């Protein structure tokens, strides 16, 4: 009958509209996934992971015979008039805590004794306060002003991967930055520029080798 055929056509039209809506929703959904994926990719790319950082075995920091991670105490008179007590407490018998924020500029002679190098644009090498191994040479790939500005902003000397002496520095799975001889240095706190090693000046105040 005409009524039955009319109802059938109406049902078909309703189904077509539903299918059309479903198709549009699917397309929009795919588009949304693409957009979100793209944004996620860009967000991930904004914080690059530098695979050149040398990962270390946590056993490096296993306590030695005297209860410290190094098996020895810091040099008696650290560079830049860094306190021996601070170096001993933070660098050899500690895994979590740090010297006070700003200690490197407020309580040591680092800025005064590096003035000549800074004015000449020459890098300075930082040595392990226990073993004397060279650990960082900075600044590299940037100016002294950039190094100082970033370090003052965060409260501690901040080194980039280009400034590591790679054979002597390791980063543990939890982000702790250490020397190969077991000196606690600080932590790797990456930012948009890549790895940033936030380091205690006390732990890199070893004395340069004598000529």
N, C-alpha and C. Protein backbone atom coordinates (compact mmCIF):
# COMPACT_ATOMS: atom_id res chain seq x y z
N UNK A 1 0.84 -1.18 0.00
CA UNK A 1 0.00 0.00 0.00
C UNK A 1 0.88 1.24 0.00
N UNK A 2 0.24 2.41 -0.35
CA UNK A 2 1.01 3.66 -0.40
C UNK A 2 1.57 4.00 0.98
N UNK A 3 0.80 3.73 2.04
CA UNK A 3 1.27 4.04 3.41
C UNK A 3 2.49 3.22 3.76
N UNK A 4 2.42 1.92 3.42
CA UNK A 4 3.55 1.03 3.73
C UNK A 4 4.80 1.46 2.99
N UNK A 5 4.63 1.78 1.63
CA UNK A 5 5.78 2.21 0.84
C UNK A 5 6.34 3.52 1.38
N UNK A 6 5.49 4.40 1.84
CA UNK A 6 5.94 5.68 2.39
C UNK A 6 6.75 5.48 3.65
N UNK A 7 6.27 4.58 4.50
CA UNK A 7 7.02 4.30 5.72
C UNK A 7 8.38 3.69 5.43
N UNK A 8 8.41 2.83 4.41
CA UNK A 8 9.68 2.17 4.04
C UNK A 8 10.68 3.22 3.56
N UNK A 9 10.17 4.16 2.68
CA UNK A 9 11.08 5.22 2.19
C UNK A 9 11.58 6.07 3.36
N UNK A 10 10.70 6.39 4.29
CA UNK A 10 11.10 7.22 5.44
C UNK A 10 12.14 6.51 6.28
N UNK A 11 11.95 5.18 6.42
CA UNK A 11 12.92 4.40 7.20
C UNK A 11 14.28 4.39 6.53
N UNK A 12 14.24 4.22 5.16
CA UNK A 12 15.50 4.21 4.40
C UNK A 12 16.21 5.56 4.52
N UNK A 13 15.43 6.65 4.42
CA UNK A 13 16.03 7.98 4.51
C UNK A 13 16.63 8.21 5.89
N UNK A 14 15.93 7.74 6.93
CA UNK A 14 16.44 7.90 8.30
C UNK A 14 17.74 7.14 8.47
N UNK A 15 17.79 5.90 7.89
CA UNK A 15 19.00 5.10 7.98
C UNK A 15 20.14 5.77 7.24
N UNK A 16 19.84 6.36 6.08
CA UNK A 16 20.87 7.03 5.29
C UNK A 16 21.44 8.22 6.06
N UNK A 17 20.55 8.98 6.70
CA UNK A 17 21.00 10.13 7.49
C UNK A 17 21.90 9.68 8.63
N UNK A 18 21.49 8.60 9.31
CA UNK A 18 22.30 8.07 10.42
C UNK A 18 23.67 7.63 9.94
N UNK A 19 23.68 6.93 8.78
CA UNK A 19 24.95 6.48 8.22
C UNK A 19 25.85 7.65 7.85
N UNK A 20 25.20 8.68 7.27
CA UNK A 20 25.96 9.86 6.88
C UNK A 20 26.57 10.53 8.10
N UNK A 21 25.74 10.63 9.16
CA UNK A 21 26.25 11.24 10.39
C UNK A 21 27.39 10.42 10.98
N UNK A 22 27.24 9.10 10.93
CA UNK A 22 28.27 8.22 11.44
C UNK A 22 29.56 8.39 10.65
N UNK A 23 29.40 8.53 9.31
CA UNK A 23 30.58 8.72 8.47
C UNK A 23 31.29 10.01 8.79
N UNK A 24 30.52 11.08 8.97
CA UNK A 24 31.11 12.38 9.31
C UNK A 24 31.82 12.30 10.66
N UNK A 25 31.15 11.64 11.63
CA UNK A 25 31.75 11.51 12.95
C UNK A 25 33.06 10.73 12.88
N UNK A 26 33.06 9.69 12.03
CA UNK A 26 34.28 8.88 11.89
C UNK A 26 35.40 9.71 11.30
N UNK A 27 35.05 10.50 10.27
CA UNK A 27 36.07 11.35 9.64
C UNK A 27 36.62 12.35 10.63
N UNK A 28 35.68 12.98 11.39
CA UNK A 28 36.12 13.95 12.39
C UNK A 28 36.97 13.29 13.46
N UNK A 29 36.57 12.06 13.82
CA UNK A 29 37.34 11.34 14.83
C UNK A 29 38.74 11.04 14.36
N UNK A 30 38.86 10.61 13.09
CA UNK A 30 40.18 10.33 12.52
C UNK A 30 41.00 11.60 12.48
N UNK A 31 40.33 12.68 12.09
CA UNK A 31 41.03 13.97 12.04
C UNK A 31 41.52 14.39 13.41
N UNK A 32 40.67 14.15 14.43
CA UNK A 32 41.06 14.51 15.78
C UNK A 32 42.25 13.69 16.25
N UNK A 33 42.23 12.39 15.92
CA UNK A 33 43.36 11.53 16.28
C UNK A 33 44.63 12.02 15.62
N UNK A 34 44.52 12.40 14.33
CA UNK A 34 45.69 12.89 13.60
C UNK A 34 46.22 14.16 14.25
N UNK A 35 45.30 15.07 14.59
CA UNK A 35 45.71 16.34 15.22
C UNK A 35 46.38 16.08 16.55
N UNK A 36 45.74 15.23 17.39
CA UNK A 36 46.29 14.95 18.70
C UNK A 36 47.63 14.26 18.59
N UNK A 37 47.74 13.32 17.64
CA UNK A 37 49.01 12.63 17.42
C UNK A 37 50.08 13.61 17.00
N UNK A 38 49.71 14.50 16.10
CA UNK A 38 50.66 15.50 15.62
C UNK A 38 51.13 16.38 16.76
N UNK A 39 50.16 16.81 17.61
CA UNK A 39 50.53 17.66 18.74
C UNK A 39 51.42 16.91 19.71
N UNK A 40 51.07 15.63 19.94
CA UNK A 40 51.87 14.83 20.85
C UNK A 40 53.29 14.67 20.34
N UNK A 41 53.41 14.45 19.01
CA UNK A 41 54.73 14.29 18.41
C UNK A 41 55.53 15.56 18.57
N UNK A 42 54.87 16.72 18.34
CA UNK A 42 55.58 17.99 18.47
C UNK A 42 55.99 18.22 19.92
N UNK A 43 55.11 17.84 20.86
CA UNK A 43 55.42 18.03 22.28
C UNK A 43 56.61 17.18 22.68
N UNK A 44 56.64 15.93 22.17
CA UNK A 44 57.76 15.06 22.48
C UNK A 44 59.04 15.61 21.88
N UNK A 45 58.94 16.15 20.67
CA UNK A 45 60.12 16.66 20.01
C UNK A 45 60.66 17.90 20.70
N UNK A 46 59.79 18.57 21.49
CA UNK A 46 60.22 19.80 22.16
C UNK A 46 61.20 19.52 23.27
N UNK A 47 61.22 18.27 23.79
CA UNK A 47 62.17 17.89 24.82
C UNK A 47 63.01 16.74 24.29
N UNK A 48 64.02 17.03 23.51
CA UNK A 48 64.82 15.98 22.87
C UNK A 48 65.56 15.14 23.90
N UNK A 49 65.62 13.86 23.67
CA UNK A 49 66.37 12.96 24.53
C UNK A 49 67.72 12.71 23.88
N UNK A 50 68.77 13.09 24.56
CA UNK A 50 70.11 12.97 24.01
C UNK A 50 70.66 11.59 24.35
N UNK A 51 70.74 10.71 23.35
CA UNK A 51 71.19 9.35 23.60
C UNK A 51 72.70 9.26 23.71
N UNK A 52 73.39 10.40 23.66
CA UNK A 52 74.84 10.37 23.83
C UNK A 52 75.25 10.43 25.30
N UNK A 53 74.27 10.66 26.19
CA UNK A 53 74.58 10.63 27.62
C UNK A 53 74.99 9.22 27.99
N UNK A 54 76.09 9.05 28.67
CA UNK A 54 76.56 7.73 29.06
C UNK A 54 75.83 7.28 30.32
N UNK A 55 75.01 6.25 30.18
CA UNK A 55 74.30 5.72 31.33
C UNK A 55 75.25 4.86 32.16
N UNK A 56 75.09 4.95 33.49
CA UNK A 56 76.00 4.23 34.36
C UNK A 56 75.32 3.14 35.17
N UNK A 57 76.11 2.22 35.67
CA UNK A 57 75.64 1.14 36.53
C UNK A 57 75.49 1.69 37.95
N UNK A 58 74.32 1.51 38.57
CA UNK A 58 74.12 2.00 39.94
C UNK A 58 75.16 1.50 40.93
N UNK A 59 75.82 0.38 40.62
CA UNK A 59 76.83 -0.16 41.52
C UNK A 59 78.03 0.78 41.67
N UNK A 60 78.14 1.76 40.76
CA UNK A 60 79.20 2.76 40.89
C UNK A 60 79.13 3.41 42.28
N UNK A 61 77.89 3.60 42.77
CA UNK A 61 77.67 4.32 44.02
C UNK A 61 77.53 3.40 45.24
N UNK A 62 77.88 2.14 45.08
CA UNK A 62 77.82 1.21 46.20
C UNK A 62 78.79 1.66 47.30
N UNK A 63 78.32 1.71 48.56
CA UNK A 63 79.18 2.18 49.65
C UNK A 63 80.49 1.41 49.72
N UNK A 64 81.57 2.15 49.95
CA UNK A 64 82.90 1.54 50.06
C UNK A 64 83.23 1.30 51.53
N UNK A 65 84.49 1.02 51.82
CA UNK A 65 84.87 0.56 53.16
C UNK A 65 84.60 1.57 54.27
N UNK A 66 84.62 2.87 53.97
CA UNK A 66 84.40 3.85 55.04
C UNK A 66 82.97 4.38 55.06
N UNK A 67 82.10 3.74 54.30
CA UNK A 67 80.70 4.15 54.28
C UNK A 67 80.38 5.20 53.24
N UNK A 68 81.38 5.68 52.53
CA UNK A 68 81.15 6.66 51.48
C UNK A 68 81.05 5.96 50.13
N UNK A 69 80.65 6.71 49.11
CA UNK A 69 80.54 6.11 47.77
C UNK A 69 81.88 6.08 47.06
N UNK A 70 82.86 6.83 47.59
CA UNK A 70 84.16 6.92 46.91
C UNK A 70 85.24 6.09 47.57
N UNK A 71 85.07 5.80 48.85
CA UNK A 71 86.11 5.06 49.56
C UNK A 71 87.23 5.99 50.05
N UNK A 72 87.05 7.28 49.84
CA UNK A 72 88.06 8.26 50.26
C UNK A 72 87.37 9.58 50.55
N UNK A 73 88.09 10.49 51.18
CA UNK A 73 87.53 11.79 51.51
C UNK A 73 87.99 12.82 50.47
N UNK A 74 87.30 13.95 50.40
CA UNK A 74 87.69 14.99 49.43
C UNK A 74 89.07 15.54 49.73
N UNK A 75 89.63 16.23 48.76
CA UNK A 75 90.90 16.92 48.95
C UNK A 75 90.75 17.89 50.13
N UNK A 76 91.80 18.03 50.91
CA UNK A 76 91.71 18.80 52.15
C UNK A 76 91.31 20.26 51.93
N UNK A 77 91.81 20.85 50.87
CA UNK A 77 91.53 22.26 50.60
C UNK A 77 91.00 22.39 49.17
N UNK A 78 89.70 22.23 49.00
CA UNK A 78 89.13 22.29 47.65
C UNK A 78 89.37 23.64 46.97
N UNK A 79 89.23 23.62 45.68
CA UNK A 79 89.40 24.82 44.85
C UNK A 79 88.33 25.87 45.19
N UNK A 80 88.64 27.10 44.91
CA UNK A 80 87.71 28.23 45.07
C UNK A 80 87.23 28.41 46.51
N UNK A 81 88.03 27.90 47.48
CA UNK A 81 87.69 28.01 48.90
C UNK A 81 86.36 27.36 49.24
N UNK A 82 86.03 26.31 48.50
CA UNK A 82 84.86 25.49 48.84
C UNK A 82 85.12 24.82 50.18
N UNK A 83 84.11 24.72 51.01
CA UNK A 83 84.24 24.11 52.32
C UNK A 83 84.48 22.60 52.22
N UNK A 84 85.51 22.13 52.91
CA UNK A 84 85.78 20.70 52.95
C UNK A 84 84.59 19.96 53.54
N UNK A 85 84.00 20.52 54.58
CA UNK A 85 82.86 19.86 55.25
C UNK A 85 81.68 19.70 54.30
N UNK A 86 81.42 20.73 53.50
CA UNK A 86 80.33 20.65 52.52
C UNK A 86 80.64 19.58 51.48
N UNK A 87 81.88 19.57 50.99
CA UNK A 87 82.27 18.59 49.98
C UNK A 87 82.16 17.17 50.51
N UNK A 88 82.61 16.95 51.75
CA UNK A 88 82.57 15.61 52.34
C UNK A 88 81.13 15.16 52.55
N UNK A 89 80.28 16.06 53.00
CA UNK A 89 78.89 15.71 53.30
C UNK A 89 78.06 15.48 52.04
N UNK A 90 78.24 16.34 51.05
CA UNK A 90 77.38 16.29 49.86
C UNK A 90 77.90 15.33 48.79
N UNK A 91 79.20 15.24 48.64
CA UNK A 91 79.76 14.52 47.48
C UNK A 91 80.11 13.07 47.74
N UNK A 92 80.37 12.68 48.98
CA UNK A 92 80.81 11.31 49.24
C UNK A 92 79.88 10.52 50.14
N UNK A 93 79.00 11.20 50.87
CA UNK A 93 78.12 10.51 51.82
C UNK A 93 76.66 10.88 51.61
N UNK A 94 76.30 11.08 50.37
CA UNK A 94 74.96 11.61 50.07
C UNK A 94 74.57 11.23 48.65
N UNK A 95 73.28 10.97 48.47
CA UNK A 95 72.78 10.66 47.13
C UNK A 95 71.62 11.56 46.73
N UNK A 96 71.04 12.29 47.69
CA UNK A 96 69.81 13.03 47.42
C UNK A 96 69.94 14.54 47.59
N UNK A 97 70.70 14.95 48.58
CA UNK A 97 70.69 16.36 48.95
C UNK A 97 71.77 17.16 48.23
N UNK A 98 71.65 18.48 48.32
CA UNK A 98 72.56 19.36 47.60
C UNK A 98 73.07 20.46 48.52
N UNK A 99 74.16 21.07 48.11
CA UNK A 99 74.62 22.27 48.80
C UNK A 99 73.53 23.35 48.64
N UNK A 100 73.55 24.39 49.45
CA UNK A 100 72.51 25.42 49.34
C UNK A 100 72.46 26.07 47.96
N UNK A 101 71.28 26.42 47.53
CA UNK A 101 71.12 27.13 46.26
C UNK A 101 71.92 28.43 46.30
N UNK A 102 72.69 28.68 45.25
CA UNK A 102 73.49 29.89 45.18
C UNK A 102 74.82 29.80 45.90
N UNK A 103 75.11 28.64 46.51
CA UNK A 103 76.37 28.47 47.25
C UNK A 103 77.58 28.79 46.36
N UNK A 104 77.52 28.40 45.10
CA UNK A 104 78.68 28.53 44.22
C UNK A 104 79.07 29.99 43.97
N UNK A 105 78.12 30.92 44.04
CA UNK A 105 78.43 32.33 43.84
C UNK A 105 78.52 33.11 45.15
N UNK A 106 77.77 32.68 46.16
CA UNK A 106 77.70 33.44 47.41
C UNK A 106 78.73 33.03 48.45
N UNK A 107 79.16 31.77 48.43
CA UNK A 107 80.01 31.27 49.51
C UNK A 107 81.36 30.75 49.05
N UNK A 108 81.67 30.88 47.78
CA UNK A 108 82.97 30.45 47.27
C UNK A 108 83.61 31.60 46.48
N UNK A 109 84.83 31.39 46.06
CA UNK A 109 85.54 32.40 45.27
C UNK A 109 85.52 32.03 43.77
N UNK A 110 84.54 31.24 43.38
CA UNK A 110 84.50 30.81 41.98
C UNK A 110 84.47 32.00 41.02
N UNK A 111 83.56 32.93 41.23
CA UNK A 111 83.42 34.05 40.32
C UNK A 111 84.67 34.92 40.30
N UNK A 112 85.27 35.12 41.48
CA UNK A 112 86.47 35.96 41.56
C UNK A 112 87.66 35.29 40.87
N UNK A 113 87.82 33.99 41.09
CA UNK A 113 89.00 33.30 40.58
C UNK A 113 88.87 32.89 39.12
N UNK A 114 87.68 32.96 38.57
CA UNK A 114 87.51 32.66 37.14
C UNK A 114 87.33 33.93 36.31
N UNK A 115 87.49 35.08 36.94
CA UNK A 115 87.25 36.35 36.26
C UNK A 115 88.12 36.49 35.01
N UNK A 116 89.41 36.18 35.13
CA UNK A 116 90.32 36.31 33.99
C UNK A 116 89.88 35.42 32.84
N UNK A 117 89.55 34.17 33.15
CA UNK A 117 89.11 33.23 32.11
C UNK A 117 87.80 33.70 31.48
N UNK A 118 86.90 34.19 32.31
CA UNK A 118 85.61 34.64 31.79
C UNK A 118 85.77 35.85 30.88
N UNK A 119 86.62 36.78 31.27
CA UNK A 119 86.83 37.97 30.45
C UNK A 119 87.53 37.63 29.14
N UNK A 120 88.35 36.59 29.16
CA UNK A 120 89.06 36.18 27.94
C UNK A 120 88.25 35.20 27.11
N UNK A 121 87.11 34.76 27.64
CA UNK A 121 86.28 33.79 26.92
C UNK A 121 86.87 32.40 26.88
N UNK A 122 87.72 32.08 27.86
CA UNK A 122 88.37 30.78 27.90
C UNK A 122 87.61 29.82 28.82
N UNK A 123 87.44 28.58 28.43
CA UNK A 123 86.73 27.61 29.28
C UNK A 123 87.55 27.21 30.50
N UNK A 124 86.87 26.71 31.51
CA UNK A 124 87.50 26.22 32.73
C UNK A 124 87.17 24.75 32.88
N UNK A 125 88.14 23.97 33.32
CA UNK A 125 87.91 22.55 33.56
C UNK A 125 87.63 22.33 35.05
N UNK A 126 86.61 21.53 35.33
CA UNK A 126 86.17 21.23 36.69
C UNK A 126 86.59 19.80 37.03
N UNK A 127 87.21 19.62 38.20
CA UNK A 127 87.78 18.33 38.57
C UNK A 127 87.03 17.71 39.76
N UNK A 128 87.02 16.38 39.77
CA UNK A 128 86.42 15.62 40.86
C UNK A 128 87.12 15.99 42.16
N UNK A 129 86.34 16.34 43.20
CA UNK A 129 86.92 16.80 44.46
C UNK A 129 87.59 15.67 45.23
N UNK A 130 87.33 14.43 44.85
CA UNK A 130 87.97 13.29 45.52
C UNK A 130 89.11 12.72 44.67
N UNK A 131 88.79 12.31 43.47
CA UNK A 131 89.78 11.61 42.63
C UNK A 131 90.65 12.55 41.81
N UNK A 132 90.17 13.77 41.56
CA UNK A 132 90.93 14.71 40.73
C UNK A 132 90.71 14.52 39.24
N UNK A 133 89.81 13.60 38.86
CA UNK A 133 89.54 13.39 37.44
C UNK A 133 88.85 14.62 36.84
N UNK A 134 89.18 15.00 35.61
CA UNK A 134 88.44 16.08 34.95
C UNK A 134 87.03 15.60 34.62
N UNK A 135 86.04 16.43 34.92
CA UNK A 135 84.64 16.03 34.75
C UNK A 135 83.89 16.88 33.74
N UNK A 136 84.12 18.19 33.77
CA UNK A 136 83.43 19.12 32.87
C UNK A 136 84.42 20.19 32.40
N UNK A 137 84.23 20.64 31.18
CA UNK A 137 84.95 21.81 30.69
C UNK A 137 83.90 22.75 30.12
N UNK A 138 83.81 23.93 30.72
CA UNK A 138 82.73 24.86 30.34
C UNK A 138 83.25 26.29 30.35
N UNK A 139 82.59 27.12 29.55
CA UNK A 139 81.49 26.79 28.63
C UNK A 139 82.01 26.25 27.29
N UNK A 140 81.20 25.43 26.66
CA UNK A 140 81.45 24.94 25.31
C UNK A 140 80.15 25.09 24.52
N UNK A 141 80.24 25.67 23.34
CA UNK A 141 79.06 25.85 22.50
C UNK A 141 78.17 26.98 22.98
N UNK A 142 78.65 27.77 23.92
CA UNK A 142 77.91 28.93 24.42
C UNK A 142 78.91 29.87 25.10
N UNK A 143 78.45 31.01 25.50
CA UNK A 143 79.32 32.00 26.12
C UNK A 143 79.32 31.85 27.64
N UNK A 144 80.26 32.52 28.27
CA UNK A 144 80.28 32.54 29.72
C UNK A 144 79.00 33.18 30.27
N UNK A 145 78.55 34.22 29.59
CA UNK A 145 77.33 34.90 30.04
C UNK A 145 76.15 33.94 30.02
N UNK A 146 76.06 33.10 29.00
CA UNK A 146 74.96 32.14 28.90
C UNK A 146 75.08 31.07 29.97
N UNK A 147 76.31 30.57 30.18
CA UNK A 147 76.53 29.57 31.22
C UNK A 147 76.17 30.12 32.60
N UNK A 148 76.65 31.32 32.89
CA UNK A 148 76.41 31.94 34.19
C UNK A 148 74.93 32.25 34.40
N UNK A 149 74.29 32.77 33.38
CA UNK A 149 72.88 33.12 33.49
C UNK A 149 72.03 31.89 33.77
N UNK A 150 72.27 30.81 33.06
CA UNK A 150 71.49 29.59 33.28
C UNK A 150 71.77 29.01 34.67
N UNK A 151 73.03 29.00 35.08
CA UNK A 151 73.40 28.44 36.37
C UNK A 151 72.83 29.26 37.52
N UNK A 152 72.87 30.58 37.40
CA UNK A 152 72.30 31.43 38.45
C UNK A 152 70.78 31.27 38.53
N UNK A 153 70.16 31.07 37.38
CA UNK A 153 68.71 30.90 37.35
C UNK A 153 68.28 29.67 38.15
N UNK A 154 69.06 28.60 38.03
CA UNK A 154 68.69 27.35 38.70
C UNK A 154 69.31 27.21 40.09
N UNK A 155 70.34 27.99 40.39
CA UNK A 155 70.95 27.95 41.72
C UNK A 155 72.21 27.13 41.83
N UNK A 156 72.51 26.34 40.80
CA UNK A 156 73.71 25.49 40.79
C UNK A 156 74.33 25.52 39.39
N UNK A 157 75.64 25.28 39.29
CA UNK A 157 76.26 25.19 37.96
C UNK A 157 75.52 24.17 37.10
N UNK A 158 75.16 24.57 35.89
CA UNK A 158 74.40 23.70 34.99
C UNK A 158 75.22 23.43 33.74
N UNK A 159 75.53 22.15 33.52
CA UNK A 159 76.37 21.75 32.40
C UNK A 159 75.54 21.03 31.34
N UNK A 160 75.90 21.26 30.10
CA UNK A 160 75.29 20.57 28.97
C UNK A 160 76.18 19.41 28.52
N UNK A 161 75.61 18.53 27.70
CA UNK A 161 76.34 17.33 27.30
C UNK A 161 77.67 17.64 26.62
N UNK A 162 77.73 18.72 25.86
CA UNK A 162 78.98 19.07 25.19
C UNK A 162 80.09 19.42 26.17
N UNK A 163 79.71 19.68 27.41
CA UNK A 163 80.69 20.11 28.41
C UNK A 163 81.16 18.98 29.31
N UNK A 164 80.61 17.78 29.12
CA UNK A 164 81.02 16.62 29.91
C UNK A 164 82.35 16.06 29.41
N UNK A 165 83.17 15.58 30.33
CA UNK A 165 84.31 14.73 29.97
C UNK A 165 83.74 13.32 30.01
N UNK A 166 83.35 12.82 28.87
CA UNK A 166 82.47 11.66 28.79
C UNK A 166 83.03 10.38 29.39
N UNK A 167 84.32 10.21 29.36
CA UNK A 167 84.87 8.98 29.92
C UNK A 167 84.84 8.97 31.44
N UNK A 168 84.54 10.11 32.06
CA UNK A 168 84.61 10.18 33.52
C UNK A 168 83.26 10.47 34.19
N UNK A 169 82.21 10.72 33.43
CA UNK A 169 80.91 11.08 33.99
C UNK A 169 79.85 10.07 33.55
N UNK A 170 78.97 9.70 34.46
CA UNK A 170 77.89 8.79 34.15
C UNK A 170 76.57 9.34 34.70
N UNK A 171 75.46 8.93 34.06
CA UNK A 171 74.13 9.26 34.54
C UNK A 171 73.43 7.96 34.88
N UNK A 172 72.96 7.83 36.11
CA UNK A 172 72.30 6.61 36.55
C UNK A 172 70.84 6.60 36.12
N UNK A 173 70.19 5.44 36.15
CA UNK A 173 68.80 5.36 35.67
C UNK A 173 67.83 6.32 36.34
N UNK A 174 68.10 6.72 37.58
CA UNK A 174 67.20 7.65 38.26
C UNK A 174 67.55 9.11 38.00
N UNK A 175 68.55 9.35 37.13
CA UNK A 175 68.92 10.71 36.78
C UNK A 175 70.08 11.28 37.56
N UNK A 176 70.58 10.54 38.53
CA UNK A 176 71.72 11.03 39.31
C UNK A 176 72.97 11.10 38.42
N UNK A 177 73.66 12.22 38.47
CA UNK A 177 74.90 12.38 37.72
C UNK A 177 76.06 12.14 38.67
N UNK A 178 76.97 11.24 38.29
CA UNK A 178 78.06 10.83 39.17
C UNK A 178 79.35 10.74 38.38
N UNK A 179 80.46 10.66 39.10
CA UNK A 179 81.73 10.38 38.44
C UNK A 179 81.95 8.87 38.44
N UNK A 180 82.86 8.39 37.61
CA UNK A 180 83.08 6.94 37.52
C UNK A 180 83.72 6.39 38.79
N UNK A 181 84.22 7.27 39.66
CA UNK A 181 84.82 6.81 40.91
C UNK A 181 83.84 6.88 42.08
N UNK A 182 82.58 7.26 41.82
CA UNK A 182 81.57 7.22 42.86
C UNK A 182 81.27 8.54 43.54
N UNK A 183 81.76 9.64 43.00
CA UNK A 183 81.44 10.94 43.59
C UNK A 183 80.06 11.39 43.11
N UNK A 184 79.20 11.72 44.06
CA UNK A 184 77.89 12.28 43.70
C UNK A 184 78.12 13.70 43.19
N UNK A 185 77.60 14.00 42.01
CA UNK A 185 77.79 15.33 41.42
C UNK A 185 76.51 16.16 41.46
N UNK A 186 75.38 15.54 41.16
CA UNK A 186 74.11 16.25 41.11
C UNK A 186 73.09 15.40 40.37
N UNK A 187 72.27 16.03 39.54
CA UNK A 187 71.24 15.30 38.80
C UNK A 187 71.08 15.86 37.40
N UNK A 188 70.71 14.98 36.50
CA UNK A 188 70.38 15.39 35.14
C UNK A 188 68.91 15.81 35.11
N UNK A 189 68.67 17.09 34.83
CA UNK A 189 67.30 17.64 34.80
C UNK A 189 67.05 18.21 33.41
N UNK A 190 66.65 17.37 32.45
CA UNK A 190 66.50 17.83 31.07
C UNK A 190 65.48 18.94 30.91
N UNK A 191 65.71 19.78 29.93
CA UNK A 191 64.73 20.80 29.56
C UNK A 191 64.58 20.78 28.05
N UNK A 192 63.99 21.81 27.48
CA UNK A 192 63.73 21.83 26.05
C UNK A 192 65.00 21.79 25.21
N UNK A 193 66.13 22.14 25.81
CA UNK A 193 67.40 22.14 25.08
C UNK A 193 68.11 20.80 25.14
N UNK A 194 67.63 19.91 26.01
CA UNK A 194 68.28 18.61 26.16
C UNK A 194 68.71 18.36 27.59
N UNK A 195 69.69 17.50 27.77
CA UNK A 195 70.18 17.17 29.10
C UNK A 195 70.79 18.40 29.76
N UNK A 196 70.50 18.56 31.06
CA UNK A 196 71.10 19.66 31.84
C UNK A 196 71.53 19.07 33.17
N UNK A 197 72.84 19.04 33.39
CA UNK A 197 73.39 18.44 34.59
C UNK A 197 73.55 19.53 35.65
N UNK A 198 72.67 19.47 36.64
CA UNK A 198 72.66 20.44 37.73
C UNK A 198 73.60 19.91 38.80
N UNK A 199 74.75 20.57 38.97
CA UNK A 199 75.87 19.99 39.71
C UNK A 199 76.27 20.86 40.91
N UNK A 200 76.64 20.20 41.99
CA UNK A 200 77.17 20.89 43.17
C UNK A 200 78.59 21.35 42.89
N UNK A 201 78.85 22.64 43.09
CA UNK A 201 80.20 23.16 42.86
C UNK A 201 81.21 22.46 43.77
N UNK A 202 80.76 22.07 44.99
CA UNK A 202 81.66 21.40 45.93
C UNK A 202 82.23 20.11 45.36
N UNK A 203 81.42 19.42 44.55
CA UNK A 203 81.83 18.11 44.06
C UNK A 203 82.74 18.18 42.84
N UNK A 204 82.83 19.37 42.25
CA UNK A 204 83.71 19.54 41.08
C UNK A 204 84.78 20.59 41.39
N UNK A 205 85.13 20.69 42.67
CA UNK A 205 86.14 21.67 43.10
C UNK A 205 87.48 21.03 43.40
N UNK A 206 87.75 19.93 42.69
CA UNK A 206 89.06 19.31 42.84
C UNK A 206 90.14 20.22 42.26
N UNK A 207 91.37 19.96 42.66
CA UNK A 207 92.48 20.81 42.22
C UNK A 207 93.01 20.38 40.86
N UNK A 208 93.33 21.34 40.01
CA UNK A 208 93.91 21.02 38.70
C UNK A 208 95.25 20.32 38.90
N UNK A 209 95.64 19.46 37.96
CA UNK A 209 96.95 18.81 38.10
C UNK A 209 98.09 19.82 38.04
N UNK A 210 99.12 19.56 38.78
CA UNK A 210 100.28 20.46 38.78
C UNK A 210 101.09 20.27 37.50
N UNK A 211 101.56 21.36 36.97
CA UNK A 211 102.36 21.31 35.74
C UNK A 211 103.70 20.61 36.01
